[in-house]
C-alpha atoms as a PDB file:
ATOM      1  CA  MET A   1      -6.276 -17.626 -15.041  1.00  0.00           C
ATOM      2  CA  ASP A   2      -8.162 -16.694 -11.601  1.00  0.00           C
ATOM      3  CA  PHE A   3      -4.941 -14.581 -11.082  1.00  0.00           C
ATOM      4  CA  ALA A   4      -5.020 -12.744 -14.403  1.00  0.00           C
ATOM      5  CA  ARG A   5      -9.074 -12.053 -14.545  1.00  0.00           C
ATOM      6  CA  SER A   6      -9.155 -10.717 -10.692  1.00  0.00           C
ATOM      7  CA  LEU A   7      -5.722  -8.317 -12.400  1.00  0.00           C
ATOM      8  CA  ARG A   8      -7.844  -7.150 -14.757  1.00  0.00           C
ATOM      9  CA  ALA A   9     -10.636  -6.706 -12.576  1.00  0.00           C
ATOM     10  CA  LEU A  10      -8.273  -4.851 -10.015  1.00  0.00           C
ATOM     11  CA  LEU A  11      -6.714  -2.393 -12.712  1.00  0.00           C
ATOM     12  CA  ALA A  12     -10.070  -1.662 -14.306  1.00  0.00           C
ATOM     13  CA  CYS A  13     -11.378  -0.528 -10.928  1.00  0.00           C
ATOM     14  CA  VAL A  14      -8.314   2.101 -11.001  1.00  0.00           C
ATOM     15  CA  LEU A  15      -8.307   3.136 -14.426  1.00  0.00           C
ATOM     16  CA  LEU A  16     -12.169   3.962 -13.662  1.00  0.00           C
ATOM     17  CA  ALA A  17     -11.478   5.637 -10.686  1.00  0.00           C
ATOM     18  CA  ALA A  18      -9.370   8.631 -12.218  1.00  0.00           C
ATOM     19  CA  PRO A  19     -12.228  10.749 -13.727  1.00  0.00           C
ATOM     20  CA  LEU A  20     -14.413  10.339 -10.439  1.00  0.00           C
ATOM     21  CA  GLN A  21     -11.172  11.422  -8.353  1.00  0.00           C
ATOM     22  CA  ALA A  22     -10.984  14.516 -10.909  1.00  0.00           C
ATOM     23  CA  ARG A  23     -14.739  15.603 -10.253  1.00  0.00           C
ATOM     24  CA  ALA A  24     -14.071  15.056  -6.465  1.00  0.00           C
ATOM     25  CA  ALA A  25     -10.399  17.060  -6.095  1.00  0.00           C
ATOM     26  CA  PRO A  26     -10.541  20.853  -6.451  1.00  0.00           C
ATOM     27  CA  GLY A  27      -7.327  21.566  -9.283  1.00  0.00           C
ATOM     28  CA  ASP A  28      -5.763  24.038  -6.153  1.00  0.00           C
ATOM     29  CA  TRP A  29      -4.389  20.611  -4.914  1.00  0.00           C
ATOM     30  CA  VAL A  30      -2.335  20.170  -7.852  1.00  0.00           C
ATOM     31  CA  ASP A  31      -1.083  23.909  -8.231  1.00  0.00           C
ATOM     32  CA  ARG A  32       0.142  23.821  -5.048  1.00  0.00           C
ATOM     33  CA  VAL A  33       2.332  21.198  -5.047  1.00  0.00           C
ATOM     34  CA  ASN A  34       6.068  22.060  -5.225  1.00  0.00           C
ATOM     35  CA  ALA A  35       9.286  19.937  -6.062  1.00  0.00           C
ATOM     36  CA  LEU A  36      11.099  19.445  -3.059  1.00  0.00           C
ATOM     37  CA  PRO A  37      14.706  18.150  -2.587  1.00  0.00           C
ATOM     38  CA  ALA A  38      15.063  13.864  -2.203  1.00  0.00           C
ATOM     39  CA  PRO A  39      15.119  13.397   1.796  1.00  0.00           C
ATOM     40  CA  ALA A  40      17.389  11.811   3.824  1.00  0.00           C
ATOM     41  CA  ASP A  41      15.202   9.597   4.968  1.00  0.00           C
ATOM     42  CA  GLY A  42      13.747   8.678   1.620  1.00  0.00           C
ATOM     43  CA  GLN A  43      16.032   6.318   0.159  1.00  0.00           C
ATOM     44  CA  GLY A  44      16.265   2.148   1.080  1.00  0.00           C
ATOM     45  CA  LEU A  45      18.191  -1.035   0.167  1.00  0.00           C
ATOM     46  CA  PRO A  46      17.763  -1.532  -3.556  1.00  0.00           C
ATOM     47  CA  LEU A  47      15.441  -4.608  -4.015  1.00  0.00           C
ATOM     48  CA  ALA A  48      16.584  -7.157  -6.719  1.00  0.00           C
ATOM     49  CA  VAL A  49      13.627  -8.057  -9.607  1.00  0.00           C
ATOM     50  CA  ALA A  50      13.885  -8.119 -13.031  1.00  0.00           C
ATOM     51  CA  PRO A  51      13.333  -5.047 -15.864  1.00  0.00           C
ATOM     52  CA  SER A  52       9.989  -4.473 -17.049  1.00  0.00           C
ATOM     53  CA  THR A  53       8.669  -3.857 -20.602  1.00  0.00           C
ATOM     54  CA  GLN A  54       7.677  -0.710 -19.337  1.00  0.00           C
ATOM     55  CA  ARG A  55      10.840   0.778 -18.121  1.00  0.00           C
ATOM     56  CA  PRO A  56      14.084  -0.473 -17.320  1.00  0.00           C
ATOM     57  CA  LEU A  57      16.117  -0.865 -13.775  1.00  0.00           C
ATOM     58  CA  ASP A  58      18.045   2.422 -13.788  1.00  0.00           C
ATOM     59  CA  PRO A  59      21.061   2.169 -11.402  1.00  0.00           C
ATOM     60  CA  ALA A  60      21.099   5.728 -10.800  1.00  0.00           C
ATOM     61  CA  PRO A  61      17.621   6.449  -9.699  1.00  0.00           C
ATOM     62  CA  ARG A  62      16.158   9.367 -11.256  1.00  0.00           C
ATOM     63  CA  GLU A  63      12.849   9.555  -9.002  1.00  0.00           C
ATOM     64  CA  GLY A  64      11.635  12.883  -8.317  1.00  0.00           C
ATOM     65  CA  TRP A  65       9.855  14.566  -4.780  1.00  0.00           C
ATOM     66  CA  ALA A  66       7.229  16.804  -4.573  1.00  0.00           C
ATOM     67  CA  GLY A  67       4.921  17.810  -1.273  1.00  0.00           C
ATOM     68  CA  ASN A  68       1.848  19.645  -0.406  1.00  0.00           C
ATOM     69  CA  ALA A  69       0.831  20.842   3.113  1.00  0.00           C
ATOM     70  CA  GLY A  70       3.914  19.283   4.271  1.00  0.00           C
ATOM     71  CA  GLN A  71       2.792  15.452   2.805  1.00  0.00           C
ATOM     72  CA  ARG A  72       5.826  14.140   0.788  1.00  0.00           C
ATOM     73  CA  MET A  73       5.758  12.677  -2.462  1.00  0.00           C
ATOM     74  CA  VAL A  74       8.065  10.581  -4.640  1.00  0.00           C
ATOM     75  CA  TYR A  75       7.274   9.740  -8.303  1.00  0.00           C
ATOM     76  CA  ASP A  76       9.060   8.534 -11.134  1.00  0.00           C
ATOM     77  CA  VAL A  77      10.604   5.479  -9.022  1.00  0.00           C
ATOM     78  CA  THR A  78      12.344   3.313 -11.597  1.00  0.00           C
ATOM     79  CA  GLN A  79      14.607   1.427  -8.805  1.00  0.00           C
ATOM     80  CA  PRO A  80      12.374  -0.208  -5.836  1.00  0.00           C
ATOM     81  CA  GLN A  81      13.394   0.173  -2.405  1.00  0.00           C
ATOM     82  CA  LEU A  82      12.142  -1.697   0.781  1.00  0.00           C
ATOM     83  CA  ILE A  83      12.627   1.614   3.798  1.00  0.00           C
ATOM     84  CA  PRO A  84      13.335   0.228   7.448  1.00  0.00           C
ATOM     85  CA  VAL A  85      12.005   2.775   9.173  1.00  0.00           C
ATOM     86  CA  GLY A  86      14.204   3.323  12.332  1.00  0.00           C
ATOM     87  CA  GLY A  87      17.015   1.566  10.503  1.00  0.00           C
ATOM     88  CA  VAL A  88      17.315  -2.064  10.574  1.00  0.00           C
ATOM     89  CA  GLY A  89      17.902  -3.216  14.342  1.00  0.00           C
ATOM     90  CA  GLY A  90      15.148  -2.327  17.059  1.00  0.00           C
ATOM     91  CA  CYS A  91      14.027  -5.991  17.875  1.00  0.00           C
ATOM     92  CA  ALA A  92      15.905  -7.790  21.231  1.00  0.00           C
ATOM     93  CA  LYS A  93      14.186 -10.355  19.706  1.00  0.00           C
ATOM     94  CA  PRO A  94      12.507 -11.502  16.153  1.00  0.00           C
ATOM     95  CA  CYS A  95       9.981  -9.483  16.236  1.00  0.00           C
ATOM     96  CA  PRO A  96       7.019  -9.668  13.804  1.00  0.00           C
ATOM     97  CA  ALA A  97       7.476  -7.688  10.361  1.00  0.00           C
ATOM     98  CA  LEU A  98       5.318  -5.087   8.446  1.00  0.00           C
ATOM     99  CA  ILE A  99       5.797  -3.676   5.121  1.00  0.00           C
ATOM    100  CA  LEU A 100       3.972  -0.361   4.545  1.00  0.00           C
ATOM    101  CA  VAL A 101       2.845   0.236   0.491  1.00  0.00           C
ATOM    102  CA  PRO A 102       1.677   3.183  -0.179  1.00  0.00           C
ATOM    103  CA  GLY A 103      -0.787   4.826  -2.974  1.00  0.00           C
ATOM    104  CA  GLY A 104      -0.746   7.072  -5.602  1.00  0.00           C
ATOM    105  CA  GLY A 105      -2.775   5.896  -8.604  1.00  0.00           C
ATOM    106  CA  PHE A 106       0.709   4.585  -9.642  1.00  0.00           C
ATOM    107  CA  GLU A 107       1.858   7.638 -10.481  1.00  0.00           C
ATOM    108  CA  PHE A 108       3.461   8.701  -6.992  1.00  0.00           C
ATOM    109  CA  LEU A 109       3.785   7.246  -3.329  1.00  0.00           C
ATOM    110  CA  SER A 110       2.270   9.523  -0.775  1.00  0.00           C
ATOM    111  CA  MET A 111       5.424   8.741   1.533  1.00  0.00           C
ATOM    112  CA  ASP A 112       3.836  10.789   4.181  1.00  0.00           C
ATOM    113  CA  ASN A 113       0.447  10.269   4.866  1.00  0.00           C
ATOM    114  CA  GLU A 114       0.578   5.839   4.327  1.00  0.00           C
ATOM    115  CA  GLY A 115       4.089   5.080   4.952  1.00  0.00           C
ATOM    116  CA  TYR A 116       6.071   7.573   7.758  1.00  0.00           C
ATOM    117  CA  GLU A 117       2.998   8.871   9.141  1.00  0.00           C
ATOM    118  CA  VAL A 118       1.916   5.479   9.940  1.00  0.00           C
ATOM    119  CA  ALA A 119       5.222   3.529  10.711  1.00  0.00           C
ATOM    120  CA  ALA A 120       5.109   6.310  13.842  1.00  0.00           C
ATOM    121  CA  ARG A 121       1.703   5.493  15.329  1.00  0.00           C
ATOM    122  CA  LEU A 122       3.176   1.769  14.963  1.00  0.00           C
ATOM    123  CA  LYS A 123       5.807   2.643  17.407  1.00  0.00           C
ATOM    124  CA  GLY A 124       6.570   0.235  20.639  1.00  0.00           C
ATOM    125  CA  LEU A 125       4.043  -2.420  18.857  1.00  0.00           C
ATOM    126  CA  GLY A 126       7.074  -4.484  18.801  1.00  0.00           C
ATOM    127  CA  LEU A 127       6.674  -4.654  14.603  1.00  0.00           C
ATOM    128  CA  LYS A 128       9.465  -4.110  12.425  1.00  0.00           C
ATOM    129  CA  VAL A 129       7.921  -1.426  10.043  1.00  0.00           C
ATOM    130  CA  PHE A 130       9.043  -1.309   6.455  1.00  0.00           C
ATOM    131  CA  ILE A 131       8.287   1.022   4.166  1.00  0.00           C
ATOM    132  CA  LEU A 132       8.167   0.044   0.246  1.00  0.00           C
ATOM    133  CA  LYS A 133       9.229   2.298  -2.818  1.00  0.00           C
ATOM    134  CA  TYR A 134       7.651   0.585  -5.839  1.00  0.00           C
ATOM    135  CA  ARG A 135       8.018   1.161  -9.281  1.00  0.00           C
ATOM    136  CA  THR A 136       5.443   3.919 -10.612  1.00  0.00           C
ATOM    137  CA  LEU A 137       4.490   4.689 -14.010  1.00  0.00           C
ATOM    138  CA  PRO A 138       7.065   6.360 -16.250  1.00  0.00           C
ATOM    139  CA  LEU A 139       6.822  10.047 -16.012  1.00  0.00           C
ATOM    140  CA  PRO A 140       8.898  12.399 -18.744  1.00  0.00           C
ATOM    141  CA  ASP A 141      10.109  15.429 -18.340  1.00  0.00           C
ATOM    142  CA  GLY A 142      11.092  15.864 -14.350  1.00  0.00           C
ATOM    143  CA  PHE A 143       8.407  17.888 -11.904  1.00  0.00           C
ATOM    144  CA  ALA A 144       6.709  19.433 -15.226  1.00  0.00           C
ATOM    145  CA  GLY A 145       5.957  16.101 -16.334  1.00  0.00           C
ATOM    146  CA  PHE A 146       4.923  14.905 -12.641  1.00  0.00           C
ATOM    147  CA  GLN A 147       2.270  18.141 -12.824  1.00  0.00           C
ATOM    148  CA  ALA A 148       0.711  17.419 -15.528  1.00  0.00           C
ATOM    149  CA  ALA A 149       0.227  13.474 -14.784  1.00  0.00           C
ATOM    150  CA  ILE A 150      -1.678  14.849 -11.384  1.00  0.00           C
ATOM    151  CA  ALA A 151      -3.608  17.009 -12.661  1.00  0.00           C
ATOM    152  CA  SER A 152      -5.107  15.094 -15.301  1.00  0.00           C
ATOM    153  CA  THR A 153      -6.029  12.474 -12.563  1.00  0.00           C
ATOM    154  CA  PHE A 154      -6.663  14.862  -9.704  1.00  0.00           C
ATOM    155  CA  ALA A 155      -7.906  18.068 -11.656  1.00  0.00           C
ATOM    156  CA  GLY A 156      -9.576  16.688 -15.131  1.00  0.00           C
ATOM    157  CA  ARG A 157      -7.147  18.526 -17.017  1.00  0.00           C
ATOM    158  CA  PRO A 158      -5.478  16.974 -20.571  1.00  0.00           C
ATOM    159  CA  ARG A 159      -3.096  14.553 -19.963  1.00  0.00           C
ATOM    160  CA  PRO A 160      -0.169  15.919 -22.829  1.00  0.00           C
ATOM    161  CA  ALA A 161       0.868  11.689 -23.162  1.00  0.00           C
ATOM    162  CA  GLY A 162      -2.034  10.272 -23.385  1.00  0.00           C
ATOM    163  CA  PRO A 163      -3.992   7.699 -20.291  1.00  0.00           C
ATOM    164  CA  PRO A 164      -1.487   5.571 -18.152  1.00  0.00           C
ATOM    165  CA  ASN A 165      -1.223   2.570 -19.007  1.00  0.00           C
ATOM    166  CA  LEU A 166      -1.695   0.794 -15.435  1.00  0.00           C
ATOM    167  CA  TYR A 167      -1.704  -2.523 -17.459  1.00  0.00           C
ATOM    168  CA  ALA A 168       1.638  -2.605 -17.920  1.00  0.00           C
ATOM    169  CA  ASP A 169       2.641  -1.139 -14.603  1.00  0.00           C
ATOM    170  CA  LEU A 170       0.489  -2.970 -12.201  1.00  0.00           C
ATOM    171  CA  PRO A 171       2.989  -6.215 -12.782  1.00  0.00           C
ATOM    172  CA  ASP A 172       5.803  -4.184 -11.508  1.00  0.00           C
ATOM    173  CA  ALA A 173       4.429  -3.222  -8.495  1.00  0.00           C
ATOM    174  CA  ILE A 174       3.296  -6.864  -7.557  1.00  0.00           C
ATOM    175  CA  ALA A 175       6.543  -8.198  -8.384  1.00  0.00           C
ATOM    176  CA  ASP A 176       8.281  -5.302  -6.339  1.00  0.00           C
ATOM    177  CA  THR A 177       6.266  -6.147  -3.278  1.00  0.00           C
ATOM    178  CA  GLU A 178       6.896  -9.912  -3.957  1.00  0.00           C
ATOM    179  CA  ALA A 179      10.774  -9.417  -3.366  1.00  0.00           C
ATOM    180  CA  ALA A 180      10.360  -6.651  -0.603  1.00  0.00           C
ATOM    181  CA  VAL A 181       8.470  -9.622   1.823  1.00  0.00           C
ATOM    182  CA  ARG A 182      11.526 -12.214   0.392  1.00  0.00           C
ATOM    183  CA  ALA A 183      14.158  -9.346   0.861  1.00  0.00           C
ATOM    184  CA  VAL A 184      12.568  -9.179   5.001  1.00  0.00           C
ATOM    185  CA  ARG A 185      12.805 -12.653   5.132  1.00  0.00           C
ATOM    186  CA  ALA A 186      16.416 -13.358   3.654  1.00  0.00           C
ATOM    187  CA  HIS A 187      17.359 -10.990   6.024  1.00  0.00           C
ATOM    188  CA  ALA A 188      15.446 -11.835   8.907  1.00  0.00           C
ATOM    189  CA  ALA A 189      18.109 -13.551  11.215  1.00  0.00           C
ATOM    190  CA  GLU A 190      20.564 -10.115  10.561  1.00  0.00           C
ATOM    191  CA  TRP A 191      17.251  -7.712  11.525  1.00  0.00           C
ATOM    192  CA  HIS A 192      16.127  -9.812  14.077  1.00  0.00           C
ATOM    193  CA  VAL A 193      12.566 -10.697  12.113  1.00  0.00           C
ATOM    194  CA  ASP A 194      10.031 -13.462  12.409  1.00  0.00           C
ATOM    195  CA  PRO A 195      10.334 -14.602   9.241  1.00  0.00           C
ATOM    196  CA  ALA A 196       6.526 -16.685  10.037  1.00  0.00           C
ATOM    197  CA  ARG A 197       5.412 -13.263  10.806  1.00  0.00           C
ATOM    198  CA  VAL A 198       5.772 -10.698   7.753  1.00  0.00           C
ATOM    199  CA  GLY A 199       2.703  -8.838   7.016  1.00  0.00           C
ATOM    200  CA  ILE A 200       1.682  -6.331   4.574  1.00  0.00           C
ATOM    201  CA  LEU A 201      -0.743  -3.042   4.910  1.00  0.00           C
ATOM    202  CA  GLY A 202      -1.415  -1.537   1.189  1.00  0.00           C
ATOM    203  CA  PHE A 203      -3.207   2.048   0.903  1.00  0.00           C
ATOM    204  CA  SER A 204      -5.303   2.640  -2.284  1.00  0.00           C
ATOM    205  CA  ALA A 205      -2.737   1.836  -5.279  1.00  0.00           C
ATOM    206  CA  GLY A 206      -0.981   0.234  -2.635  1.00  0.00           C
ATOM    207  CA  ALA A 207      -3.757  -2.026  -1.721  1.00  0.00           C
ATOM    208  CA  VAL A 208      -4.684  -3.252  -5.080  1.00  0.00           C
ATOM    209  CA  THR A 209      -1.302  -4.119  -5.098  1.00  0.00           C
ATOM    210  CA  SER A 210      -1.137  -6.384  -1.533  1.00  0.00           C
ATOM    211  CA  LEU A 211      -4.286  -8.212  -2.746  1.00  0.00           C
ATOM    212  CA  GLY A 212      -2.883  -8.775  -6.269  1.00  0.00           C
ATOM    213  CA  MET A 213       0.372 -10.073  -5.078  1.00  0.00           C
ATOM    214  CA  THR A 214      -1.468 -12.208  -2.386  1.00  0.00           C
ATOM    215  CA  GLN A 215      -4.371 -13.748  -4.320  1.00  0.00           C
ATOM    216  CA  ALA A 216      -0.597 -14.506  -7.165  1.00  0.00           C
ATOM    217  CA  ASN A 217       0.567 -16.533  -4.019  1.00  0.00           C
ATOM    218  CA  ALA A 218       4.266 -16.747  -5.340  1.00  0.00           C
ATOM    219  CA  GLU A 219       6.152 -19.025  -3.897  1.00  0.00           C
ATOM    220  CA  GLY A 220       8.200 -17.382  -0.673  1.00  0.00           C
ATOM    221  CA  ALA A 221       6.660 -14.266  -1.122  1.00  0.00           C
ATOM    222  CA  ARG A 222       3.442 -14.993   0.572  1.00  0.00           C
ATOM    223  CA  PRO A 223       2.434 -12.699   3.147  1.00  0.00           C
ATOM    224  CA  ASP A 224       1.669 -14.159   6.994  1.00  0.00           C
ATOM    225  CA  PHE A 225      -1.271 -11.551   7.243  1.00  0.00           C
ATOM    226  CA  VAL A 226      -2.562  -8.353   4.975  1.00  0.00           C
ATOM    227  CA  GLY A 227      -3.973  -5.435   5.302  1.00  0.00           C
ATOM    228  CA  LEU A 228      -6.151  -3.683   2.728  1.00  0.00           C
ATOM    229  CA  ILE A 229      -7.177   0.261   3.448  1.00  0.00           C
ATOM    230  CA  TYR A 230      -9.546   1.717   1.349  1.00  0.00           C
ATOM    231  CA  GLY A 231      -8.590  -0.807  -1.187  1.00  0.00           C
ATOM    232  CA  PRO A 232     -11.163  -3.202  -3.424  1.00  0.00           C
ATOM    233  CA  THR A 233     -13.323  -5.464  -1.913  1.00  0.00           C
ATOM    234  CA  HIS A 234     -14.531  -6.672  -5.253  1.00  0.00           C
ATOM    235  CA  THR A 235     -15.228 -10.655  -5.747  1.00  0.00           C
ATOM    236  CA  GLY A 236     -12.153 -12.097  -6.813  1.00  0.00           C
ATOM    237  CA  PRO A 237     -10.256 -15.214  -6.445  1.00  0.00           C
ATOM    238  CA  VAL A 238      -8.853 -16.543  -2.500  1.00  0.00           C
ATOM    239  CA  PRO A 239      -5.564 -18.374  -2.504  1.00  0.00           C
ATOM    240  CA  PRO A 240      -4.795 -21.613  -0.892  1.00  0.00           C
ATOM    241  CA  HIS A 241      -4.280 -21.267   2.429  1.00  0.00           C
ATOM    242  CA  ALA A 242      -5.087 -17.483   2.252  1.00  0.00           C
ATOM    243  CA  PRO A 243      -3.908 -15.266   5.005  1.00  0.00           C
ATOM    244  CA  PRO A 244      -5.834 -13.321   7.329  1.00  0.00           C
ATOM    245  CA  LEU A 245      -7.169 -10.218   6.462  1.00  0.00           C
ATOM    246  CA  PHE A 246      -7.772  -6.865   8.003  1.00  0.00           C
ATOM    247  CA  ALA A 247     -10.016  -4.515   5.495  1.00  0.00           C
ATOM    248  CA  ALA A 248     -11.325  -0.966   6.387  1.00  0.00           C
ATOM    249  CA  ILE A 249     -13.215   1.104   3.606  1.00  0.00           C
ATOM    250  CA  ALA A 250     -15.125   4.360   4.119  1.00  0.00           C
ATOM    251  CA  ALA A 251     -18.930   3.481   2.101  1.00  0.00           C
ATOM    252  CA  ASP A 252     -18.465   7.226   0.825  1.00  0.00           C
ATOM    253  CA  ASP A 253     -15.202   5.593  -0.993  1.00  0.00           C
ATOM    254  CA  ARG A 254     -15.101   7.505  -4.398  1.00  0.00           C
ATOM    255  CA  PHE A 255     -13.211   4.809  -6.242  1.00  0.00           C
ATOM    256  CA  PHE A 256     -14.125   1.505  -4.657  1.00  0.00           C
ATOM    257  CA  GLY A 257     -17.312   2.237  -2.097  1.00  0.00           C
ATOM    258  CA  LYS A 258     -19.211   1.161  -4.810  1.00  0.00           C
ATOM    259  CA  GLU A 259     -18.092  -2.490  -5.384  1.00  0.00           C
ATOM    260  CA  ASP A 260     -19.499  -5.347  -4.050  1.00  0.00           C
ATOM    261  CA  LEU A 261     -18.120  -7.050  -0.549  1.00  0.00           C
ATOM    262  CA  GLY A 262     -16.998 -10.581  -2.281  1.00  0.00           C
ATOM    263  CA  LEU A 263     -13.646 -10.516  -2.040  1.00  0.00           C
ATOM    264  CA  LEU A 264     -14.830 -10.867   2.032  1.00  0.00           C
ATOM    265  CA  ASP A 265     -17.133 -13.266   1.993  1.00  0.00           C
ATOM    266  CA  ALA A 266     -15.079 -15.479  -0.465  1.00  0.00           C
ATOM    267  CA  TRP A 267     -12.069 -14.947   1.909  1.00  0.00           C
ATOM    268  CA  ARG A 268     -14.441 -16.167   5.113  1.00  0.00           C
ATOM    269  CA  ARG A 269     -16.424 -18.570   3.559  1.00  0.00           C
ATOM    270  CA  SER A 270     -12.391 -20.187   2.392  1.00  0.00           C
ATOM    271  CA  GLY A 271     -11.859 -20.625   6.603  1.00  0.00           C
ATOM    272  CA  ALA A 272      -9.339 -17.681   6.470  1.00  0.00           C
ATOM    273  CA  SER A 273      -9.867 -15.205   8.862  1.00  0.00           C
ATOM    274  CA  VAL A 274     -11.379 -11.930   8.669  1.00  0.00           C
ATOM    275  CA  GLU A 275     -11.675  -8.938  10.152  1.00  0.00           C
ATOM    276  CA  PHE A 276     -13.631  -5.407   8.099  1.00  0.00           C
ATOM    277  CA  HIS A 277     -15.342  -2.217   8.872  1.00  0.00           C
ATOM    278  CA  LEU A 278     -17.198  -0.665   6.662  1.00  0.00           C
ATOM    279  CA  TYR A 279     -17.613   3.388   7.595  1.00  0.00           C
ATOM    280  CA  SER A 280     -20.352   5.439   6.358  1.00  0.00           C
ATOM    281  CA  ALA A 281     -17.987   8.090   5.737  1.00  0.00           C
ATOM    282  CA  GLY A 282     -14.183   8.999   5.713  1.00  0.00           C
ATOM    283  CA  GLY A 283     -13.970   9.804   2.128  1.00  0.00           C
ATOM    284  CA  HIS A 284     -10.622   8.133   0.191  1.00  0.00           C
ATOM    285  CA  GLY A 285      -6.791   8.460   1.795  1.00  0.00           C
ATOM    286  CA  PHE A 286      -7.973   8.770   5.349  1.00  0.00           C
ATOM    287  CA  ALA A 287      -4.916   7.068   6.678  1.00  0.00           C
ATOM    288  CA  SER A 288      -3.151   9.787   8.994  1.00  0.00           C
ATOM    289  CA  ARG A 289      -5.644  12.346   8.281  1.00  0.00           C
ATOM    290  CA  PRO A 290      -8.587  12.384  10.463  1.00  0.00           C
ATOM    291  CA  ASN A 291     -11.835  13.342   8.943  1.00  0.00           C
ATOM    292  CA  GLY A 292     -13.927  13.688  12.439  1.00  0.00           C
ATOM    293  CA  THR A 293     -15.983  10.601  11.104  1.00  0.00           C
ATOM    294  CA  THR A 294     -15.435   6.781  12.283  1.00  0.00           C
ATOM    295  CA  SER A 295     -13.298   5.776   9.920  1.00  0.00           C
ATOM    296  CA  ASP A 296     -10.307   7.672  12.388  1.00  0.00           C
ATOM    297  CA  ALA A 297     -10.779   4.735  14.385  1.00  0.00           C
ATOM    298  CA  TRP A 298      -9.206   2.230  11.577  1.00  0.00           C
ATOM    299  CA  PHE A 299      -5.836   2.484  13.048  1.00  0.00           C
ATOM    300  CA  ASP A 300      -7.156   1.623  16.795  1.00  0.00           C
ATOM    301  CA  GLN A 301      -8.896  -1.327  15.482  1.00  0.00           C
ATOM    302  CA  PHE A 302      -6.034  -2.436  13.265  1.00  0.00           C
ATOM    303  CA  VAL A 303      -3.726  -2.154  16.208  1.00  0.00           C
ATOM    304  CA  LEU A 304      -6.409  -4.230  18.728  1.00  0.00           C
ATOM    305  CA  TRP A 305      -6.603  -6.897  15.780  1.00  0.00           C
ATOM    306  CA  LEU A 306      -3.161  -7.149  15.458  1.00  0.00           C
ATOM    307  CA  ARG A 307      -3.103  -7.903  19.159  1.00  0.00           C
ATOM    308  CA  ALA A 308      -6.129 -10.572  18.865  1.00  0.00           C
ATOM    309  CA  SER A 309      -4.425 -12.314  16.212  1.00  0.00           C
ATOM    310  CA  LYS A 310      -1.212 -12.611  18.411  1.00  0.00           C
ATOM    311  CA  ILE A 311       0.708 -11.399  16.044  1.00  0.00           C
ATOM    312  CA  VAL A 312       1.905  -8.670  19.196  1.00  0.00           C
ATOM    313  CA  ALA A 313       1.802  -9.018  22.017  1.00  0.00           C
ATOM    314  CA  PRO A 314      -1.613  -8.319  24.276  1.00  0.00           C
ATOM    315  CA  VAL A 315      -1.403  -5.002  26.500  1.00  0.00           C
ATOM    316  CA  ALA A 316       0.337  -5.524  29.337  1.00  0.00           C
ATOM    317  CA  GLY A 317      -1.860  -7.162  32.162  1.00  0.00           C
ATOM    318  CA  LYS A 318      -4.237  -7.490  29.702  1.00  0.00           C
ATOM    319  CA  SER A 319      -5.204 -11.142  28.117  1.00  0.00           C
ATOM    320  CA  VAL A 320      -7.536 -11.735  24.829  1.00  0.00           C
ATOM    321  CA  PRO A 321     -10.598 -13.607  25.895  1.00  0.00           C
ATOM    322  CA  PRO A 322     -10.392 -17.032  24.163  1.00  0.00           C
ATOM    323  CA  LYS A 323     -11.978 -18.056  21.317  1.00  0.00           C
ATOM    324  CA  GLY A 324     -15.924 -19.817  21.613  1.00  0.00           C
END
């Protein structure tokens, strides 16, 4: 029951965010979005998940790709996939794995800003990085339907097909994220991954998803460490034996900036490790886009947290001070 209430609260935040975003984002952003051919690096390993009530699993994925200012997005994802960045090799010995969970309001996935570009910055840390393509809201009429959907969300234009049904969609995203964690652990020996160090890093709607699956605490799918970047912070349940949590958000975030910080306090009170950064400014979506604000430091602080938590090795010649 606690998880069900939390799920409703998470969804309420996302549903209420759409009109706020529409007022904040100019309509010409939508008008500059162009259709793109599917990129060569956009396909991954299909994940075994149950069909949803919202849409059937499509053995021949019909997803579409779009772009704006060099930032690629994928929409109408019907078959979840796990993309191993740089292939499934790369670690000489079992290394920790990190699954990136992009955002996009469940209408699309921000594959560059919250996926490939973050993965490129993680290179050299001794992590095996994956990007999760989870199922998104069904959008009829291909690219035209995608344009209409984001015009409603970002530019405040009418949505011909009516409001999105995120209450039916989020469970799919959670199930896909659970399947991704299970897949990494199932292939740990083959991919040179340490099955006891499999974490997730979610952004925006991906942070909503990452928190939801962590709270669900499903057997075999519990992450060993969790990052929530500009995601929910409001009061909610903490799973038993909660994993270490890194959270970062800007005070002027148009979606989650006004939430209470009860989740973080509850996480701390449970005895679990918490690293939290509240930046004075930075807005929403600063994953790989410098703003000239203190939120630009989130990535370096995340890496330092990974090192201090002994998830990845410390810098050669330097040691992490002992606790106490």
